[in-house]
PDB file of N, CA and C in Angstrom:
ATOM      1  N   MET A   1     -14.206  -2.090   2.086  1.00  0.00           N
ATOM      2  CA  MET A   1     -12.570  -2.102   2.040  1.00  0.00           C
ATOM      3  C   MET A   1     -12.322  -2.826   1.940  1.00  0.00           C
ATOM      4  N   GLN A   2     -12.536  -4.011   1.998  1.00  0.00           N
ATOM      5  CA  GLN A   2     -11.157  -5.184   2.615  1.00  0.00           C
ATOM      6  C   GLN A   2     -11.036  -5.680   1.359  1.00  0.00           C
ATOM      7  N   ASP A   3     -11.370  -5.478   0.505  1.00  0.00           N
ATOM      8  CA  ASP A   3     -10.650  -5.779  -1.230  1.00  0.00           C
ATOM      9  C   ASP A   3      -9.982  -5.255  -1.474  1.00  0.00           C
ATOM     10  N   LYS A   4     -10.503  -3.521  -1.052  1.00  0.00           N
ATOM     11  CA  LYS A   4      -9.354  -2.690  -2.424  1.00  0.00           C
ATOM     12  C   LYS A   4      -8.399  -2.944  -0.868  1.00  0.00           C
ATOM     13  N   ALA A   5      -8.139  -2.903   0.221  1.00  0.00           N
ATOM     14  CA  ALA A   5      -7.165  -2.855   0.751  1.00  0.00           C
ATOM     15  C   ALA A   5      -6.256  -4.534   0.603  1.00  0.00           C
ATOM     16  N   ARG A   6      -6.387  -5.753   1.016  1.00  0.00           N
ATOM     17  CA  ARG A   6      -6.383  -6.962  -0.262  1.00  0.00           C
ATOM     18  C   ARG A   6      -5.458  -6.535  -1.755  1.00  0.00           C
ATOM     19  N   ALA A   7      -6.030  -6.069  -2.925  1.00  0.00           N
ATOM     20  CA  ALA A   7      -5.544  -5.361  -3.810  1.00  0.00           C
ATOM     21  C   ALA A   7      -4.385  -4.618  -3.120  1.00  0.00           C
ATOM     22  N   TYR A   8      -4.556  -3.799  -3.062  1.00  0.00           N
ATOM     23  CA  TYR A   8      -2.706  -2.592  -2.288  1.00  0.00           C
ATOM     24  C   TYR A   8      -1.733  -3.824  -1.591  1.00  0.00           C
ATOM     25  N   ILE A   9      -2.451  -4.991  -1.149  1.00  0.00           N
ATOM     26  CA  ILE A   9      -1.396  -5.571  -0.123  1.00  0.00           C
ATOM     27  C   ILE A   9      -0.787  -6.652  -1.758  1.00  0.00           C
ATOM     28  N   ASP A  10      -1.262  -6.991  -2.408  1.00  0.00           N
ATOM     29  CA  ASP A  10      -1.025  -7.772  -3.279  1.00  0.00           C
ATOM     30  C   ASP A  10       0.204  -7.320  -4.538  1.00  0.00           C
ATOM     31  N   ALA A  11      -0.442  -5.684  -4.222  1.00  0.00           N
ATOM     32  CA  ALA A  11       0.231  -4.276  -5.610  1.00  0.00           C
ATOM     33  C   ALA A  11       2.094  -4.356  -5.261  1.00  0.00           C
ATOM     34  N   LEU A  12       1.971  -4.039  -3.357  1.00  0.00           N
ATOM     35  CA  LEU A  12       2.905  -3.988  -2.807  1.00  0.00           C
ATOM     36  C   LEU A  12       4.002  -5.328  -2.879  1.00  0.00           C
ATOM     37  N   GLY A  13       3.818  -6.206  -3.197  1.00  0.00           N
ATOM     38  CA  GLY A  13       5.245  -7.397  -2.891  1.00  0.00           C
ATOM     39  C   GLY A  13       4.091  -8.667  -1.737  1.00  0.00           C
ATOM     40  N   GLY A  14       2.847  -7.873  -1.654  1.00  0.00           N
ATOM     41  CA  GLY A  14       2.366  -9.231  -0.435  1.00  0.00           C
ATOM     42  C   GLY A  14       2.665  -8.705   0.718  1.00  0.00           C
ATOM     43  N   ALA A  15       1.989 -10.015   1.964  1.00  0.00           N
ATOM     44  CA  ALA A  15       2.037  -8.888   3.087  1.00  0.00           C
ATOM     45  C   ALA A  15       3.470  -9.440   3.378  1.00  0.00           C
ATOM     46  N   SER A  16       3.755  -9.942   2.666  1.00  0.00           N
ATOM     47  CA  SER A  16       5.661 -10.829   3.389  1.00  0.00           C
ATOM     48  C   SER A  16       6.546  -9.789   3.339  1.00  0.00           C
ATOM     49  N   ASN A  17       6.223  -8.603   2.669  1.00  0.00           N
ATOM     50  CA  ASN A  17       6.805  -7.167   1.654  1.00  0.00           C
ATOM     51  C   ASN A  17       6.874  -5.983   2.305  1.00  0.00           C
ATOM     52  N   ILE A  18       5.853  -6.213   3.939  1.00  0.00           N
ATOM     53  CA  ILE A  18       5.194  -4.598   4.325  1.00  0.00           C
ATOM     54  C   ILE A  18       6.224  -5.091   5.416  1.00  0.00           C
ATOM     55  N   THR A  19       7.027  -4.353   5.875  1.00  0.00           N
ATOM     56  CA  THR A  19       7.019  -3.687   7.006  1.00  0.00           C
ATOM     57  C   THR A  19       6.281  -3.174   8.377  1.00  0.00           C
ATOM     58  N   GLU A  20       5.572  -1.608   7.332  1.00  0.00           N
ATOM     59  CA  GLU A  20       4.978  -0.832   7.981  1.00  0.00           C
ATOM     60  C   GLU A  20       3.658   0.217   7.214  1.00  0.00           C
ATOM     61  N   ILE A  21       1.982   0.144   7.533  1.00  0.00           N
ATOM     62  CA  ILE A  21       2.048   1.124   6.273  1.00  0.00           C
ATOM     63  C   ILE A  21       1.165   1.331   7.293  1.00  0.00           C
ATOM     64  N   ASP A  22       1.161   3.043   6.831  1.00  0.00           N
ATOM     65  CA  ASP A  22      -0.190   3.816   7.481  1.00  0.00           C
ATOM     66  C   ASP A  22      -0.779   4.755   6.376  1.00  0.00           C
ATOM     67  N   GLY A  23      -2.338   5.456   6.513  1.00  0.00           N
ATOM     68  CA  GLY A  23      -2.416   5.813   5.926  1.00  0.00           C
ATOM     69  C   GLY A  23      -2.583   7.596   6.452  1.00  0.00           C
ATOM     70  N   CYS A  24      -2.631   8.087   5.907  1.00  0.00           N
ATOM     71  CA  CYS A  24      -2.181   9.638   5.739  1.00  0.00           C
ATOM     72  C   CYS A  24      -2.644  10.776   4.995  1.00  0.00           C
ATOM     73  N   ILE A  25      -3.973  11.332   5.122  1.00  0.00           N
ATOM     74  CA  ILE A  25      -4.483  12.322   4.397  1.00  0.00           C
ATOM     75  C   ILE A  25      -5.198  10.665   2.456  1.00  0.00           C
ATOM     76  N   THR A  26      -4.417  11.681   1.785  1.00  0.00           N
ATOM     77  CA  THR A  26      -4.271  10.696   0.638  1.00  0.00           C
ATOM     78  C   THR A  26      -3.203   9.441   0.152  1.00  0.00           C
ATOM     79  N   ARG A  27      -2.810   9.897   1.134  1.00  0.00           N
ATOM     80  CA  ARG A  27      -1.532   8.437   0.394  1.00  0.00           C
ATOM     81  C   ARG A  27      -1.265   8.092   1.756  1.00  0.00           C
ATOM     82  N   LEU A  28      -1.046   6.091   0.771  1.00  0.00           N
ATOM     83  CA  LEU A  28      -0.555   4.991   2.236  1.00  0.00           C
ATOM     84  C   LEU A  28       1.183   5.166   2.037  1.00  0.00           C
ATOM     85  N   ARG A  29       1.626   5.433   3.289  1.00  0.00           N
ATOM     86  CA  ARG A  29       3.138   5.643   3.423  1.00  0.00           C
ATOM     87  C   ARG A  29       3.691   3.916   4.008  1.00  0.00           C
ATOM     88  N   ALA A  30       4.610   3.537   2.814  1.00  0.00           N
ATOM     89  CA  ALA A  30       5.277   2.253   3.534  1.00  0.00           C
ATOM     90  C   ALA A  30       5.839   1.935   3.851  1.00  0.00           C
ATOM     91  N   THR A  31       6.822   1.166   4.350  1.00  0.00           N
ATOM     92  CA  THR A  31       7.929   0.537   4.028  1.00  0.00           C
ATOM     93  C   THR A  31       7.618  -0.997   3.923  1.00  0.00           C
ATOM     94  N   LEU A  32       9.053  -1.149   2.954  1.00  0.00           N
ATOM     95  CA  LEU A  32       8.628  -2.301   1.960  1.00  0.00           C
ATOM     96  C   LEU A  32      10.554  -3.787   2.336  1.00  0.00           C
ATOM     97  N   VAL A  33       9.955  -4.256   2.579  1.00  0.00           N
ATOM     98  CA  VAL A  33      11.204  -5.134   2.598  1.00  0.00           C
ATOM     99  C   VAL A  33      11.915  -5.088   1.382  1.00  0.00           C
ATOM    100  N   ASP A  34      11.328  -5.258   0.115  1.00  0.00           N
ATOM    101  CA  ASP A  34      12.121  -4.963  -0.789  1.00  0.00           C
ATOM    102  C   ASP A  34      11.112  -4.754  -2.534  1.00  0.00           C
ATOM    103  N   PRO A  35      11.288  -3.221  -2.706  1.00  0.00           N
ATOM    104  CA  PRO A  35      10.355  -2.040  -2.793  1.00  0.00           C
ATOM    105  C   PRO A  35      10.292  -2.820  -4.647  1.00  0.00           C
ATOM    106  N   SER A  36      11.040  -3.487  -4.663  1.00  0.00           N
ATOM    107  CA  SER A  36      11.169  -3.706  -6.323  1.00  0.00           C
ATOM    108  C   SER A  36      10.218  -5.034  -6.744  1.00  0.00           C
ATOM    109  N   LYS A  37       9.822  -5.175  -5.714  1.00  0.00           N
ATOM    110  CA  LYS A  37       8.122  -6.256  -5.717  1.00  0.00           C
ATOM    111  C   LYS A  37       6.768  -5.603  -6.006  1.00  0.00           C
ATOM    112  N   MET A  38       7.165  -4.748  -6.312  1.00  0.00           N
ATOM    113  CA  MET A  38       5.749  -3.316  -6.155  1.00  0.00           C
ATOM    114  C   MET A  38       5.334  -3.880  -7.836  1.00  0.00           C
ATOM    115  N   ASP A  39       4.040  -4.229  -7.463  1.00  0.00           N
ATOM    116  CA  ASP A  39       3.921  -4.067  -9.080  1.00  0.00           C
ATOM    117  C   ASP A  39       2.568  -3.206  -9.431  1.00  0.00           C
ATOM    118  N   LEU A  40       3.642  -1.753 -10.344  1.00  0.00           N
ATOM    119  CA  LEU A  40       3.023  -1.073 -11.022  1.00  0.00           C
ATOM    120  C   LEU A  40       1.711  -1.056 -10.911  1.00  0.00           C
ATOM    121  N   ARG A  41       1.141  -1.849 -12.111  1.00  0.00           N
ATOM    122  CA  ARG A  41       0.176  -1.942 -12.679  1.00  0.00           C
ATOM    123  C   ARG A  41      -0.767  -2.576 -12.407  1.00  0.00           C
ATOM    124  N   ARG A  42      -0.587  -3.671 -10.959  1.00  0.00           N
ATOM    125  CA  ARG A  42      -1.656  -3.673  -9.885  1.00  0.00           C
ATOM    126  C   ARG A  42      -1.724  -2.653  -8.932  1.00  0.00           C
ATOM    127  N   LEU A  43      -1.020  -1.158  -8.516  1.00  0.00           N
ATOM    128  CA  LEU A  43      -0.898  -0.435  -7.717  1.00  0.00           C
ATOM    129  C   LEU A  43      -2.319   0.250  -8.759  1.00  0.00           C
ATOM    130  N   GLN A  44      -2.067   0.577 -10.243  1.00  0.00           N
ATOM    131  CA  GLN A  44      -2.976   1.438 -11.282  1.00  0.00           C
ATOM    132  C   GLN A  44      -4.493   1.014 -11.146  1.00  0.00           C
ATOM    133  N   VAL A  45      -4.711  -0.073 -11.079  1.00  0.00           N
ATOM    134  CA  VAL A  45      -6.130  -1.486 -10.925  1.00  0.00           C
ATOM    135  C   VAL A  45      -6.745  -1.446 -10.076  1.00  0.00           C
ATOM    136  N   ALA A  46      -5.719  -1.611  -8.596  1.00  0.00           N
ATOM    137  CA  ALA A  46      -5.917  -0.742  -6.884  1.00  0.00           C
ATOM    138  C   ALA A  46      -7.044   0.588  -6.727  1.00  0.00           C
ATOM    139  N   GLY A  47      -6.489   2.085  -7.990  1.00  0.00           N
ATOM    140  CA  GLY A  47      -6.174   3.217  -7.907  1.00  0.00           C
ATOM    141  C   GLY A  47      -5.707   4.112  -7.309  1.00  0.00           C
ATOM    142  N   MET A  48      -4.281   3.676  -7.417  1.00  0.00           N
ATOM    143  CA  MET A  48      -3.274   4.944  -8.024  1.00  0.00           C
ATOM    144  C   MET A  48      -3.189   6.005  -8.050  1.00  0.00           C
ATOM    145  N   ILE A  49      -3.487   7.510  -7.347  1.00  0.00           N
ATOM    146  CA  ILE A  49      -2.774   8.100  -8.031  1.00  0.00           C
ATOM    147  C   ILE A  49      -1.889   8.452  -9.117  1.00  0.00           C
ATOM    148  N   GLY A  50      -1.461   8.924 -10.331  1.00  0.00           N
ATOM    149  CA  GLY A  50       0.084   9.176 -10.069  1.00  0.00           C
ATOM    150  C   GLY A  50       1.216   7.790  -9.996  1.00  0.00           C
ATOM    151  N   ARG A  51       1.792   8.537 -10.070  1.00  0.00           N
ATOM    152  CA  ARG A  51       3.126   7.160  -9.610  1.00  0.00           C
ATOM    153  C   ARG A  51       3.709   7.082  -8.396  1.00  0.00           C
ATOM    154  N   PRO A  52       3.815   5.409  -7.920  1.00  0.00           N
ATOM    155  CA  PRO A  52       4.665   6.183  -5.966  1.00  0.00           C
ATOM    156  C   PRO A  52       5.700   6.438  -6.674  1.00  0.00           C
ATOM    157  N   MET A  53       5.810   6.831  -5.375  1.00  0.00           N
ATOM    158  CA  MET A  53       7.284   7.602  -4.662  1.00  0.00           C
ATOM    159  C   MET A  53       8.146   6.973  -3.868  1.00  0.00           C
ATOM    160  N   VAL A  54       9.707   7.223  -4.409  1.00  0.00           N
ATOM    161  CA  VAL A  54      10.321   6.038  -3.840  1.00  0.00           C
ATOM    162  C   VAL A  54      11.000   6.341  -3.162  1.00  0.00           C
ATOM    163  N   MET A  55      11.918   5.706  -1.971  1.00  0.00           N
ATOM    164  CA  MET A  55      13.113   6.185  -1.179  1.00  0.00           C
ATOM    165  C   MET A  55      13.255   5.367   0.064  1.00  0.00           C
ATOM    166  N   GLY A  56      13.931   4.724  -1.092  1.00  0.00           N
ATOM    167  CA  GLY A  56      14.989   3.359  -0.328  1.00  0.00           C
ATOM    168  C   GLY A  56      13.235   1.905  -0.462  1.00  0.00           C
ATOM    169  N   LYS A  57      13.573   2.470   1.508  1.00  0.00           N
ATOM    170  CA  LYS A  57      12.175   0.836   1.030  1.00  0.00           C
ATOM    171  C   LYS A  57      11.374   1.550   1.633  1.00  0.00           C
ATOM    172  N   GLY A  58      11.352   3.354   1.868  1.00  0.00           N
ATOM    173  CA  GLY A  58       9.643   3.569   1.858  1.00  0.00           C
ATOM    174  C   GLY A  58       9.519   4.458   0.786  1.00  0.00           C
ATOM    175  N   VAL A  59       7.823   3.565   0.708  1.00  0.00           N
ATOM    176  CA  VAL A  59       6.927   4.039  -0.280  1.00  0.00           C
ATOM    177  C   VAL A  59       5.457   5.083  -0.169  1.00  0.00           C
ATOM    178  N   GLN A  60       5.029   6.087  -0.432  1.00  0.00           N
ATOM    179  CA  GLN A  60       4.559   6.835  -0.644  1.00  0.00           C
ATOM    180  C   GLN A  60       3.045   5.882  -2.379  1.00  0.00           C
ATOM    181  N   VAL A  61       1.958   6.136  -2.150  1.00  0.00           N
ATOM    182  CA  VAL A  61       1.455   5.936  -3.240  1.00  0.00           C
ATOM    183  C   VAL A  61      -0.574   6.895  -2.969  1.00  0.00           C
ATOM    184  N   VAL A  62      -0.383   7.768  -3.965  1.00  0.00           N
ATOM    185  CA  VAL A  62      -1.464   8.282  -3.113  1.00  0.00           C
ATOM    186  C   VAL A  62      -2.411   7.606  -3.975  1.00  0.00           C
ATOM    187  N   VAL A  63      -3.440   7.550  -3.139  1.00  0.00           N
ATOM    188  CA  VAL A  63      -5.197   6.399  -3.173  1.00  0.00           C
ATOM    189  C   VAL A  63      -6.315   7.637  -3.148  1.00  0.00           C
ATOM    190  N   GLY A  64      -6.359   8.500  -2.913  1.00  0.00           N
ATOM    191  CA  GLY A  64      -7.341   9.158  -2.603  1.00  0.00           C
ATOM    192  C   GLY A  64      -7.587  10.087  -1.430  1.00  0.00           C
ATOM    193  N   THR A  65      -8.869  10.208  -0.592  1.00  0.00           N
ATOM    194  CA  THR A  65      -9.560  10.408   0.602  1.00  0.00           C
ATOM    195  C   THR A  65      -9.592   9.655   1.385  1.00  0.00           C
ATOM    196  N   TYR A  66      -9.699   8.425   0.972  1.00  0.00           N
ATOM    197  CA  TYR A  66      -9.606   7.053   1.610  1.00  0.00           C
ATOM    198  C   TYR A  66      -8.436   5.855   2.115  1.00  0.00           C
ATOM    199  N   ALA A  67      -7.728   6.836   1.851  1.00  0.00           N
ATOM    200  CA  ALA A  67      -6.296   6.207   2.241  1.00  0.00           C
ATOM    201  C   ALA A  67      -5.874   5.685   4.102  1.00  0.00           C
ATOM    202  N   GLU A  68      -6.657   6.528   4.686  1.00  0.00           N
ATOM    203  CA  GLU A  68      -6.717   6.158   6.195  1.00  0.00           C
ATOM    204  C   GLU A  68      -7.855   5.190   6.624  1.00  0.00           C
ATOM    205  N   LEU A  69      -8.425   5.180   5.778  1.00  0.00           N
ATOM    206  CA  LEU A  69      -8.923   3.591   5.905  1.00  0.00           C
ATOM    207  C   LEU A  69      -8.728   2.561   5.375  1.00  0.00           C
ATOM    208  N   ILE A  70      -7.980   2.825   3.577  1.00  0.00           N
ATOM    209  CA  ILE A  70      -7.244   1.541   3.516  1.00  0.00           C
ATOM    210  C   ILE A  70      -6.232   1.145   4.149  1.00  0.00           C
ATOM    211  N   GLY A  71      -5.475   2.304   4.523  1.00  0.00           N
ATOM    212  CA  GLY A  71      -4.092   1.703   5.240  1.00  0.00           C
ATOM    213  C   GLY A  71      -4.801   1.047   7.246  1.00  0.00           C
ATOM    214  N   SER A  72      -5.695   1.395   7.870  1.00  0.00           N
ATOM    215  CA  SER A  72      -6.519   0.724   9.479  1.00  0.00           C
ATOM    216  C   SER A  72      -7.596  -0.509   8.334  1.00  0.00           C
ATOM    217  N   GLU A  73      -7.620  -0.898   7.626  1.00  0.00           N
ATOM    218  CA  GLU A  73      -7.823  -1.968   6.643  1.00  0.00           C
ATOM    219  C   GLU A  73      -6.808  -3.224   6.558  1.00  0.00           C
ATOM    220  N   ILE A  74      -5.749  -2.254   5.607  1.00  0.00           N
ATOM    221  CA  ILE A  74      -4.559  -2.900   5.827  1.00  0.00           C
ATOM    222  C   ILE A  74      -3.606  -3.692   6.910  1.00  0.00           C
ATOM    223  N   ASN A  75      -3.491  -3.259   7.966  1.00  0.00           N
ATOM    224  CA  ASN A  75      -3.263  -3.323   9.421  1.00  0.00           C
ATOM    225  C   ASN A  75      -4.392  -4.118   9.499  1.00  0.00           C
ATOM    226  N   THR A  76      -5.571  -4.058   9.763  1.00  0.00           N
ATOM    227  CA  THR A  76      -5.909  -5.243  10.210  1.00  0.00           C
ATOM    228  C   THR A  76      -5.507  -6.639   9.936  1.00  0.00           C
ATOM    229  N   ILE A  77      -5.477  -6.944   8.448  1.00  0.00           N
ATOM    230  CA  ILE A  77      -5.145  -7.794   7.174  1.00  0.00           C
ATOM    231  C   ILE A  77      -4.203  -8.393   7.782  1.00  0.00           C
ATOM    232  N   LEU A  78      -3.255  -7.567   7.738  1.00  0.00           N
ATOM    233  CA  LEU A  78      -1.910  -7.886   7.861  1.00  0.00           C
ATOM    234  C   LEU A  78      -1.959  -8.326  10.058  1.00  0.00           C
ATOM    235  N   LYS A  79      -2.824  -7.777  10.786  1.00  0.00           N
ATOM    236  CA  LYS A  79      -2.230  -8.376  12.231  1.00  0.00           C
ATOM    237  C   LYS A  79      -3.251  -9.921  11.734  1.00  0.00           C
ATOM    238  N   GLN A  80      -4.063 -10.015  11.320  1.00  0.00           N
ATOM    239  CA  GLN A  80      -4.563 -11.347  11.371  1.00  0.00           C
ATOM    240  C   GLN A  80      -4.045 -12.577  10.565  1.00  0.00           C
ATOM    241  N   GLY A  81      -3.226 -12.532   9.751  1.00  0.00           N
ATOM    242  CA  GLY A  81      -1.907 -13.376   9.189  1.00  0.00           C
ATOM    243  C   GLY A  81      -2.560 -13.827   7.957  1.00  0.00           C
TER     244      GLY A  81
END
């Protein structure tokens, strides 16, 4: 799961671009410093379903039923620095 989490971190523009992230049922919900740094191709390779929904600095990415696990792993990685 750690590799998958790192892939999403990179696809969302890197750790420094993520101010908050949470996994909920099937989506990763993130607040980004600069949403334009998202890489759609990397999100697709990581396993994104469909297209991300962007609302200002907020982004929702449908990843499937393991979203909570990935969100937790991303938060663990971000806390480690």
